[in-house]
Full PDB file with SEQRES, HELIX, SHEET, SSBOND, CRYST1, ORIGX, SCALE, CONECT and MASTER records, all heavy atoms in Angstrom:
SEQRES   1 A   31  LEU ALA TYR GLY GLY PHE ASN LEU CYS PRO SER GLU ALA          
SEQRES   2 A   31  CYS ASN PRO ALA ASP GLY GLU GLY SER CYS GLU LEU PRO          
SEQRES   3 A   31  ALA ALA LYS PRO THR                                          
CRYST1    1.000    1.000    1.000  90.00  90.00  90.00 P 1           1          
ORIGX1      1.000000  0.000000  0.000000        0.00000                         
ORIGX2      0.000000  1.000000  0.000000        0.00000                         
ORIGX3      0.000000  0.000000  1.000000        0.00000                         
SCALE1      1.000000  0.000000  0.000000        0.00000                         
SCALE2      0.000000  1.000000  0.000000        0.00000                         
SCALE3      0.000000  0.000000  1.000000        0.00000                         
ATOM      1  N   LEU A   1      94.560  90.200 149.261  1.00  0.00           N  
ATOM      2  CA  LEU A   1      93.891  88.963 148.880  1.00  0.00           C  
ATOM      3  C   LEU A   1      94.122  87.942 149.981  1.00  0.00           C  
ATOM      4  O   LEU A   1      95.252  87.495 150.208  1.00  0.00           O  
ATOM      5  CB  LEU A   1      94.447  88.442 147.543  1.00  0.00           C  
ATOM      6  CG  LEU A   1      94.355  89.423 146.362  1.00  0.00           C  
ATOM      7  CD1 LEU A   1      94.995  88.821 145.123  1.00  0.00           C  
ATOM      8  CD2 LEU A   1      92.902  89.802 146.081  1.00  0.00           C  
ATOM      9  N   ALA A   2      93.046  87.584 150.690  1.00  0.00           N  
ATOM     10  CA  ALA A   2      93.178  86.705 151.857  1.00  0.00           C  
ATOM     11  C   ALA A   2      92.788  85.272 151.567  1.00  0.00           C  
ATOM     12  O   ALA A   2      93.017  84.394 152.388  1.00  0.00           O  
ATOM     13  CB  ALA A   2      92.336  87.238 153.008  1.00  0.00           C  
ATOM     14  N   TYR A   3      92.164  85.004 150.427  1.00  0.00           N  
ATOM     15  CA  TYR A   3      91.820  83.644 149.995  1.00  0.00           C  
ATOM     16  C   TYR A   3      91.072  82.852 151.063  1.00  0.00           C  
ATOM     17  O   TYR A   3      91.398  81.710 151.367  1.00  0.00           O  
ATOM     18  CB  TYR A   3      93.075  82.894 149.546  1.00  0.00           C  
ATOM     19  CG  TYR A   3      93.750  83.534 148.362  1.00  0.00           C  
ATOM     20  CD1 TYR A   3      94.973  84.203 148.498  1.00  0.00           C  
ATOM     21  CD2 TYR A   3      93.150  83.521 147.109  1.00  0.00           C  
ATOM     22  CE1 TYR A   3      95.582  84.815 147.407  1.00  0.00           C  
ATOM     23  CE2 TYR A   3      93.757  84.135 146.014  1.00  0.00           C  
ATOM     24  CZ  TYR A   3      94.963  84.777 146.178  1.00  0.00           C  
ATOM     25  OH  TYR A   3      95.556  85.390 145.093  1.00  0.00           O  
ATOM     26  N   GLY A   4      90.048  83.496 151.629  1.00  0.00           N  
ATOM     27  CA  GLY A   4      89.217  82.805 152.588  1.00  0.00           C  
ATOM     28  C   GLY A   4      89.660  82.939 154.027  1.00  0.00           C  
ATOM     29  O   GLY A   4      88.947  82.509 154.933  1.00  0.00           O  
ATOM     30  N   GLY A   5      90.818  83.521 154.283  1.00  0.00           N  
ATOM     31  CA  GLY A   5      91.280  83.743 155.655  1.00  0.00           C  
ATOM     32  C   GLY A   5      90.856  85.113 156.143  1.00  0.00           C  
ATOM     33  O   GLY A   5      90.247  85.897 155.413  1.00  0.00           O  
ATOM     34  N   PHE A   6      91.181  85.426 157.383  1.00  0.00           N  
ATOM     35  CA  PHE A   6      90.829  86.722 157.958  1.00  0.00           C  
ATOM     36  C   PHE A   6      92.037  87.469 158.492  1.00  0.00           C  
ATOM     37  O   PHE A   6      91.917  88.607 158.947  1.00  0.00           O  
ATOM     38  CB  PHE A   6      89.816  86.536 159.094  1.00  0.00           C  
ATOM     39  CG  PHE A   6      88.505  85.972 158.633  1.00  0.00           C  
ATOM     40  CD1 PHE A   6      88.131  84.682 158.979  1.00  0.00           C  
ATOM     41  CD2 PHE A   6      87.655  86.718 157.839  1.00  0.00           C  
ATOM     42  CE1 PHE A   6      86.923  84.150 158.554  1.00  0.00           C  
ATOM     43  CE2 PHE A   6      86.445  86.197 157.405  1.00  0.00           C  
ATOM     44  CZ  PHE A   6      86.075  84.906 157.757  1.00  0.00           C  
ATOM     45  N   ASN A   7      93.222  86.850 158.476  1.00  0.00           N  
ATOM     46  CA  ASN A   7      94.411  87.508 159.003  1.00  0.00           C  
ATOM     47  C   ASN A   7      94.950  88.476 157.955  1.00  0.00           C  
ATOM     48  O   ASN A   7      95.766  88.113 157.114  1.00  0.00           O  
ATOM     49  CB  ASN A   7      95.470  86.473 159.381  1.00  0.00           C  
ATOM     50  CG  ASN A   7      96.719  87.111 159.967  1.00  0.00           C  
ATOM     51  OD1 ASN A   7      96.762  88.320 160.169  1.00  0.00           O  
ATOM     52  ND2 ASN A   7      97.723  86.312 160.237  1.00  0.00           N  
ATOM     53  N   LEU A   8      94.492  89.719 158.020  1.00  0.00           N  
ATOM     54  CA  LEU A   8      94.871  90.732 157.029  1.00  0.00           C  
ATOM     55  C   LEU A   8      95.923  91.696 157.559  1.00  0.00           C  
ATOM     56  O   LEU A   8      96.154  92.746 156.969  1.00  0.00           O  
ATOM     57  CB  LEU A   8      93.633  91.524 156.594  1.00  0.00           C  
ATOM     58  CG  LEU A   8      92.422  90.707 156.126  1.00  0.00           C  
ATOM     59  CD1 LEU A   8      91.312  91.627 155.658  1.00  0.00           C  
ATOM     60  CD2 LEU A   8      92.806  89.737 155.026  1.00  0.00           C  
ATOM     61  N   CYS A   9      96.561  91.358 158.663  1.00  0.00           N  
ATOM     62  CA  CYS A   9      97.555  92.260 159.245  1.00  0.00           C  
ATOM     63  C   CYS A   9      98.646  92.564 158.230  1.00  0.00           C  
ATOM     64  O   CYS A   9      99.305  91.645 157.724  1.00  0.00           O  
ATOM     65  CB  CYS A   9      98.172  91.634 160.497  1.00  0.00           C  
ATOM     66  SG  CYS A   9      99.475  92.654 161.217  1.00  0.00           S  
ATOM     67  N   PRO A  10      98.863  93.847 157.897  1.00  0.00           N  
ATOM     68  CA  PRO A  10      99.843  94.183 156.869  1.00  0.00           C  
ATOM     69  C   PRO A  10     101.286  94.147 157.325  1.00  0.00           C  
ATOM     70  O   PRO A  10     102.193  94.271 156.495  1.00  0.00           O  
ATOM     71  CB  PRO A  10      99.444  95.600 156.461  1.00  0.00           C  
ATOM     72  CG  PRO A  10      98.809  96.171 157.676  1.00  0.00           C  
ATOM     73  CD  PRO A  10      98.111  95.024 158.352  1.00  0.00           C  
ATOM     74  N   SER A  11     101.539  93.994 158.619  1.00  0.00           N  
ATOM     75  CA  SER A  11     102.915  93.965 159.094  1.00  0.00           C  
ATOM     76  C   SER A  11     103.681  92.821 158.444  1.00  0.00           C  
ATOM     77  O   SER A  11     103.193  91.698 158.356  1.00  0.00           O  
ATOM     78  CB  SER A  11     102.946  93.799 160.611  1.00  0.00           C  
ATOM     79  OG  SER A  11     104.252  93.508 161.052  1.00  0.00           O  
ATOM     80  N   GLU A  12     104.901  93.121 158.007  1.00  0.00           N  
ATOM     81  CA  GLU A  12     105.719  92.064 157.405  1.00  0.00           C  
ATOM     82  C   GLU A  12     106.137  91.019 158.429  1.00  0.00           C  
ATOM     83  O   GLU A  12     106.485  89.893 158.076  1.00  0.00           O  
ATOM     84  CB  GLU A  12     106.946  92.691 156.735  1.00  0.00           C  
ATOM     85  CG  GLU A  12     106.587  93.510 155.509  1.00  0.00           C  
ATOM     86  CD  GLU A  12     107.808  94.116 154.846  1.00  0.00           C  
ATOM     87  OE1 GLU A  12     108.471  93.404 154.064  1.00  0.00           O  
ATOM     88  OE2 GLU A  12     108.100  95.290 155.132  1.00  0.00           O  
ATOM     89  N   ALA A  13     106.102  91.369 159.721  1.00  0.00           N  
ATOM     90  CA  ALA A  13     106.391  90.384 160.759  1.00  0.00           C  
ATOM     91  C   ALA A  13     105.290  89.337 160.828  1.00  0.00           C  
ATOM     92  O   ALA A  13     105.548  88.170 161.143  1.00  0.00           O  
ATOM     93  CB  ALA A  13     106.536  91.072 162.113  1.00  0.00           C  
ATOM     94  N   CYS A  14     104.051  89.749 160.532  1.00  0.00           N  
ATOM     95  CA  CYS A  14     102.918  88.828 160.619  1.00  0.00           C  
ATOM     96  C   CYS A  14     102.647  88.117 159.297  1.00  0.00           C  
ATOM     97  O   CYS A  14     102.318  86.936 159.285  1.00  0.00           O  
ATOM     98  CB  CYS A  14     101.675  89.594 161.040  1.00  0.00           C  
ATOM     99  SG  CYS A  14     101.755  90.179 162.737  1.00  0.00           S  
ATOM    100  N   ASN A  15     102.744  88.843 158.214  1.00  0.00           N  
ATOM    101  CA  ASN A  15     102.485  88.273 156.898  1.00  0.00           C  
ATOM    102  C   ASN A  15     103.638  88.619 155.953  1.00  0.00           C  
ATOM    103  O   ASN A  15     103.515  89.503 155.104  1.00  0.00           O  
ATOM    104  CB  ASN A  15     101.165  88.806 156.329  1.00  0.00           C  
ATOM    105  CG  ASN A  15      99.957  88.117 156.928  1.00  0.00           C  
ATOM    106  OD1 ASN A  15      99.864  86.883 156.917  1.00  0.00           O  
ATOM    107  ND2 ASN A  15      99.032  88.890 157.460  1.00  0.00           N  
ATOM    108  N   PRO A  16     104.768  87.923 156.100  1.00  0.00           N  
ATOM    109  CA  PRO A  16     105.909  88.214 155.226  1.00  0.00           C  
ATOM    110  C   PRO A  16     105.632  87.736 153.802  1.00  0.00           C  
ATOM    111  O   PRO A  16     104.742  86.904 153.559  1.00  0.00           O  
ATOM    112  CB  PRO A  16     107.046  87.412 155.864  1.00  0.00           C  
ATOM    113  CG  PRO A  16     106.362  86.291 156.562  1.00  0.00           C  
ATOM    114  CD  PRO A  16     105.057  86.843 157.061  1.00  0.00           C  
ATOM    115  N   ALA A  17     106.401  88.272 152.869  1.00  0.00           N  
ATOM    116  CA  ALA A  17     106.241  87.833 151.478  1.00  0.00           C  
ATOM    117  C   ALA A  17     106.603  86.364 151.323  1.00  0.00           C  
ATOM    118  O   ALA A  17     106.030  85.652 150.489  1.00  0.00           O  
ATOM    119  CB  ALA A  17     107.105  88.701 150.564  1.00  0.00           C  
ATOM    120  N   ASP A  18     107.545  85.880 152.121  1.00  0.00           N  
ATOM    121  CA  ASP A  18     107.956  84.477 152.078  1.00  0.00           C  
ATOM    122  C   ASP A  18     107.978  83.916 153.496  1.00  0.00           C  
ATOM    123  O   ASP A  18     108.415  84.580 154.429  1.00  0.00           O  
ATOM    124  CB  ASP A  18     109.351  84.336 151.461  1.00  0.00           C  
ATOM    125  CG  ASP A  18     109.400  84.855 150.030  1.00  0.00           C  
ATOM    126  OD1 ASP A  18     108.615  84.361 149.208  1.00  0.00           O  
ATOM    127  OD2 ASP A  18     110.204  85.758 149.768  1.00  0.00           O  
ATOM    128  N   GLY A  19     107.526  82.694 153.655  1.00  0.00           N  
ATOM    129  CA  GLY A  19     107.596  82.038 154.951  1.00  0.00           C  
ATOM    130  C   GLY A  19     106.398  82.357 155.821  1.00  0.00           C  
ATOM    131  O   GLY A  19     105.458  83.046 155.411  1.00  0.00           O  
ATOM    132  N   GLU A  20     106.403  81.830 157.048  1.00  0.00           N  
ATOM    133  CA  GLU A  20     105.312  82.024 157.981  1.00  0.00           C  
ATOM    134  C   GLU A  20     105.573  83.223 158.879  1.00  0.00           C  
ATOM    135  O   GLU A  20     106.702  83.509 159.256  1.00  0.00           O  
ATOM    136  CB  GLU A  20     105.122  80.768 158.837  1.00  0.00           C  
ATOM    137  CG  GLU A  20     104.658  79.548 158.044  1.00  0.00           C  
ATOM    138  CD  GLU A  20     104.308  78.390 158.942  1.00  0.00           C  
ATOM    139  OE1 GLU A  20     104.362  78.568 160.179  1.00  0.00           O  
ATOM    140  OE2 GLU A  20     103.971  77.322 158.417  1.00  0.00           O  
ATOM    141  N   GLY A  21     104.485  83.904 159.242  1.00  0.00           N  
ATOM    142  CA  GLY A  21     104.600  85.061 160.104  1.00  0.00           C  
ATOM    143  C   GLY A  21     104.369  84.713 161.563  1.00  0.00           C  
ATOM    144  O   GLY A  21     104.230  83.544 161.926  1.00  0.00           O  
ATOM    145  N   SER A  22     104.304  85.763 162.391  1.00  0.00           N  
ATOM    146  CA  SER A  22     104.209  85.563 163.830  1.00  0.00           C  
ATOM    147  C   SER A  22     102.815  85.815 164.386  1.00  0.00           C  
ATOM    148  O   SER A  22     102.615  85.730 165.589  1.00  0.00           O  
ATOM    149  CB  SER A  22     105.207  86.488 164.545  1.00  0.00           C  
ATOM    150  OG  SER A  22     104.942  87.849 164.232  1.00  0.00           O  
ATOM    151  N   CYS A  23     101.817  86.145 163.533  1.00  0.00           N  
ATOM    152  CA  CYS A  23     100.471  86.381 164.030  1.00  0.00           C  
ATOM    153  C   CYS A  23      99.806  85.063 164.415  1.00  0.00           C  
ATOM    154  O   CYS A  23     100.090  84.022 163.830  1.00  0.00           O  
ATOM    155  CB  CYS A  23      99.609  87.063 162.956  1.00  0.00           C  
ATOM    156  SG  CYS A  23      99.591  88.856 163.050  1.00  0.00           S  
ATOM    157  N   GLU A  24      98.892  85.145 165.386  1.00  0.00           N  
ATOM    158  CA  GLU A  24      98.031  84.002 165.680  1.00  0.00           C  
ATOM    159  C   GLU A  24      96.967  83.963 164.594  1.00  0.00           C  
ATOM    160  O   GLU A  24      96.194  84.901 164.429  1.00  0.00           O  
ATOM    161  CB  GLU A  24      97.372  84.147 167.050  1.00  0.00           C  
ATOM    162  CG  GLU A  24      96.391  83.018 167.355  1.00  0.00           C  
ATOM    163  CD  GLU A  24      95.754  83.181 168.713  1.00  0.00           C  
ATOM    164  OE1 GLU A  24      96.481  83.303 169.698  1.00  0.00           O  
ATOM    165  OE2 GLU A  24      94.519  83.185 168.782  1.00  0.00           O  
ATOM    166  N   LEU A  25      96.907  82.891 163.838  1.00  0.00           N  
ATOM    167  CA  LEU A  25      95.992  82.819 162.716  1.00  0.00           C  
ATOM    168  C   LEU A  25      94.583  82.514 163.195  1.00  0.00           C  
ATOM    169  O   LEU A  25      94.383  81.754 164.135  1.00  0.00           O  
ATOM    170  CB  LEU A  25      96.434  81.734 161.730  1.00  0.00           C  
ATOM    171  CG  LEU A  25      97.782  81.971 161.054  1.00  0.00           C  
ATOM    172  CD1 LEU A  25      98.123  80.794 160.153  1.00  0.00           C  
ATOM    173  CD2 LEU A  25      97.779  83.251 160.247  1.00  0.00           C  
ATOM    174  N   PRO A  26      93.562  83.096 162.541  1.00  0.00           N  
ATOM    175  CA  PRO A  26      92.182  82.792 162.900  1.00  0.00           C  
ATOM    176  C   PRO A  26      91.792  81.392 162.452  1.00  0.00           C  
ATOM    177  O   PRO A  26      92.565  80.703 161.793  1.00  0.00           O  
ATOM    178  CB  PRO A  26      91.389  83.863 162.143  1.00  0.00           C  
ATOM    179  CG  PRO A  26      92.250  84.202 160.977  1.00  0.00           C  
ATOM    180  CD  PRO A  26      93.677  84.069 161.466  1.00  0.00           C  
ATOM    181  N   ALA A  27      90.581  80.991 162.796  1.00  0.00           N  
ATOM    182  CA  ALA A  27      90.155  79.617 162.521  1.00  0.00           C  
ATOM    183  C   ALA A  27      90.055  79.336 161.035  1.00  0.00           C  
ATOM    184  O   ALA A  27      90.364  78.243 160.583  1.00  0.00           O  
ATOM    185  CB  ALA A  27      88.815  79.348 163.193  1.00  0.00           C  
ATOM    186  N   ALA A  28      89.573  80.315 160.266  1.00  0.00           N  
ATOM    187  CA  ALA A  28      89.413  80.084 158.833  1.00  0.00           C  
ATOM    188  C   ALA A  28      90.776  80.127 158.155  1.00  0.00           C  
ATOM    189  O   ALA A  28      91.411  81.171 158.067  1.00  0.00           O  
ATOM    190  CB  ALA A  28      88.488  81.144 158.230  1.00  0.00           C  
ATOM    191  N   LYS A  29      91.240  78.993 157.672  1.00  0.00           N  
ATOM    192  CA  LYS A  29      92.552  78.927 157.048  1.00  0.00           C  
ATOM    193  C   LYS A  29      92.451  79.319 155.579  1.00  0.00           C  
ATOM    194  O   LYS A  29      91.580  78.830 154.854  1.00  0.00           O  
ATOM    195  CB  LYS A  29      93.122  77.515 157.162  1.00  0.00           C  
ATOM    196  CG  LYS A  29      93.237  77.001 158.600  1.00  0.00           C  
ATOM    197  CD  LYS A  29      94.220  77.824 159.405  1.00  0.00           C  
ATOM    198  CE  LYS A  29      94.397  77.241 160.809  1.00  0.00           C  
ATOM    199  NZ  LYS A  29      95.321  78.036 161.625  1.00  0.00           N  
ATOM    200  N   PRO A  30      93.318  80.188 155.104  1.00  0.00           N  
ATOM    201  CA  PRO A  30      93.258  80.572 153.696  1.00  0.00           C  
ATOM    202  C   PRO A  30      93.693  79.427 152.794  1.00  0.00           C  
ATOM    203  O   PRO A  30      94.441  78.545 153.200  1.00  0.00           O  
ATOM    204  CB  PRO A  30      94.254  81.742 153.617  1.00  0.00           C  
ATOM    205  CG  PRO A  30      95.200  81.515 154.752  1.00  0.00           C  
ATOM    206  CD  PRO A  30      94.387  80.878 155.839  1.00  0.00           C  
ATOM    207  N   THR A  31      93.172  79.443 151.570  1.00  0.00           N  
ATOM    208  CA  THR A  31      93.571  78.423 150.602  1.00  0.00           C  
ATOM    209  C   THR A  31      94.956  78.704 150.032  1.00  0.00           C  
ATOM    210  O   THR A  31      95.608  77.807 149.511  1.00  0.00           O  
ATOM    211  CB  THR A  31      92.551  78.360 149.454  1.00  0.00           C  
ATOM    212  OG1 THR A  31      92.460  79.657 148.841  1.00  0.00           O  
ATOM    213  CG2 THR A  31      91.171  77.973 149.981  1.00  0.00           C  
TER     214      THR A  31                                                      
MASTER        0    0    0    0    0    0    0    6  213    1    0    3          
END                                                                             
């Protein structure tokens, strides 16, 4: 569930369960 964003990288380094990840986020910010 990306809630309007496009950063779907499943790595926990990029999208951890808590806190911010290390991926460069795309322009569309998720809600």
